[in-house]
Amino acid sequence: MRALARLRWRVAITLTVVMMAVYFGFILLLAFNKPLAGSLVAPGLSLGILLGALVIVATWILTLGYTRWANRRYDPALDRLKREAGR
């Protein structure tokens, strides 16, 4: 039971750190290198706008990854523990 709880916390902390790095990296780029963020990668599309959209996409990907992990690993392990405790 404790091993499963530790694993859940480890996954949660890892995903939180990754999301914070993505988000704060983007914010720091905007704060300290505005010319780079304002540079155009295509007509009408700046690097800052592109990276901002990628921050949102990263959130979706991390959420999808957590959901898949929980459905495939965490929930079945939790169900096994519940069944064993009910015996």
Protein backbone atom coordinates (compact mmCIF):
# COMPACT_ATOMS: atom_id res chain seq x y z
CA MET A 1 0.00 0.00 0.00
CA ARG A 2 2.75 2.44 0.91
CA ALA A 3 4.72 1.56 -2.21
CA LEU A 4 1.71 2.43 -4.34
CA ALA A 5 1.24 5.72 -2.50
CA ARG A 6 4.94 6.55 -2.96
CA LEU A 7 4.68 5.77 -6.65
CA ARG A 8 1.64 8.02 -7.03
CA TRP A 9 3.45 10.88 -5.29
CA ARG A 10 6.56 10.33 -7.39
CA VAL A 11 4.53 10.54 -10.59
CA ALA A 12 2.63 13.61 -9.35
CA ILE A 13 5.81 15.43 -8.30
CA THR A 14 7.54 14.58 -11.59
CA LEU A 15 4.64 15.87 -13.67
CA THR A 16 4.41 19.00 -11.52
CA VAL A 17 8.12 19.74 -11.94
CA VAL A 18 7.94 19.19 -15.70
CA MET A 19 4.92 21.50 -16.03
CA MET A 20 6.53 24.17 -13.87
CA ALA A 21 9.71 24.02 -15.95
CA VAL A 22 7.74 24.40 -19.17
CA TYR A 23 5.59 27.24 -17.84
CA PHE A 24 8.28 29.20 -16.01
CA GLY A 25 10.71 28.68 -18.88
CA PHE A 26 8.17 30.31 -21.17
CA ILE A 27 7.50 33.16 -18.72
CA LEU A 28 11.23 33.77 -18.21
CA LEU A 29 11.77 33.87 -21.97
CA LEU A 30 9.08 36.53 -22.26
CA ALA A 31 10.48 38.49 -19.32
CA PHE A 32 14.14 38.47 -20.28
CA ASN A 33 14.31 38.05 -24.05
CA LYS A 34 11.41 39.89 -25.64
CA PRO A 35 13.16 40.32 -29.00
CA LEU A 36 13.56 36.55 -29.34
CA ALA A 37 9.95 35.94 -28.33
CA GLY A 38 8.84 38.57 -30.82
CA SER A 39 10.80 37.16 -33.72
CA LEU A 40 8.67 35.83 -36.55
CA VAL A 41 8.79 32.13 -37.41
CA ALA A 42 6.16 32.56 -40.15
CA PRO A 43 4.27 35.58 -41.42
CA GLY A 44 1.95 36.67 -38.60
CA LEU A 45 3.29 34.05 -36.14
CA SER A 46 5.86 35.01 -33.52
CA LEU A 47 7.97 32.58 -31.55
CA GLY A 48 6.24 33.74 -28.35
CA ILE A 49 2.78 32.88 -29.67
CA LEU A 50 4.01 29.51 -30.93
CA LEU A 51 5.65 28.67 -27.60
CA GLY A 52 2.55 29.83 -25.71
CA ALA A 53 0.46 27.40 -27.73
CA LEU A 54 3.01 24.67 -27.06
CA VAL A 55 2.71 25.30 -23.31
CA ILE A 56 -1.01 24.55 -23.61
CA VAL A 57 -0.33 21.46 -25.72
CA ALA A 58 2.25 20.30 -23.14
CA THR A 59 -0.47 20.53 -20.49
CA TRP A 60 -2.75 18.31 -22.55
CA ILE A 61 0.04 15.81 -23.19
CA LEU A 62 0.99 15.61 -19.50
CA THR A 63 -2.67 15.18 -18.54
CA LEU A 64 -3.09 12.44 -21.13
CA GLY A 65 0.08 10.74 -19.89
CA TYR A 66 -1.10 10.82 -16.28
CA THR A 67 -4.56 9.54 -17.21
CA ARG A 68 -3.14 6.66 -19.20
CA TRP A 69 -0.72 5.79 -16.39
CA ALA A 70 -3.49 5.92 -13.79
CA ASN A 71 -5.85 3.80 -15.89
CA ARG A 72 -3.22 1.19 -16.78
CA ARG A 73 -1.15 0.96 -13.61
CA TYR A 74 -2.46 2.83 -10.59
CA ASP A 75 -6.17 1.97 -10.71
CA PRO A 76 -5.65 -1.79 -11.28
CA ALA A 77 -3.09 -1.90 -8.44
CA LEU A 78 -5.48 -0.03 -6.16
CA ASP A 79 -8.31 -2.41 -7.06
CA ARG A 80 -6.06 -5.39 -6.21
CA LEU A 81 -5.27 -3.86 -2.82
CA LYS A 82 -8.95 -3.28 -2.11
CA ARG A 83 -9.81 -6.88 -3.02
CA GLU A 84 -6.98 -8.21 -0.83
CA ALA A 85 -8.09 -6.04 2.10
CA GLY A 86 -11.67 -7.33 1.74
CA ARG A 87 -10.65 -10.96 2.12
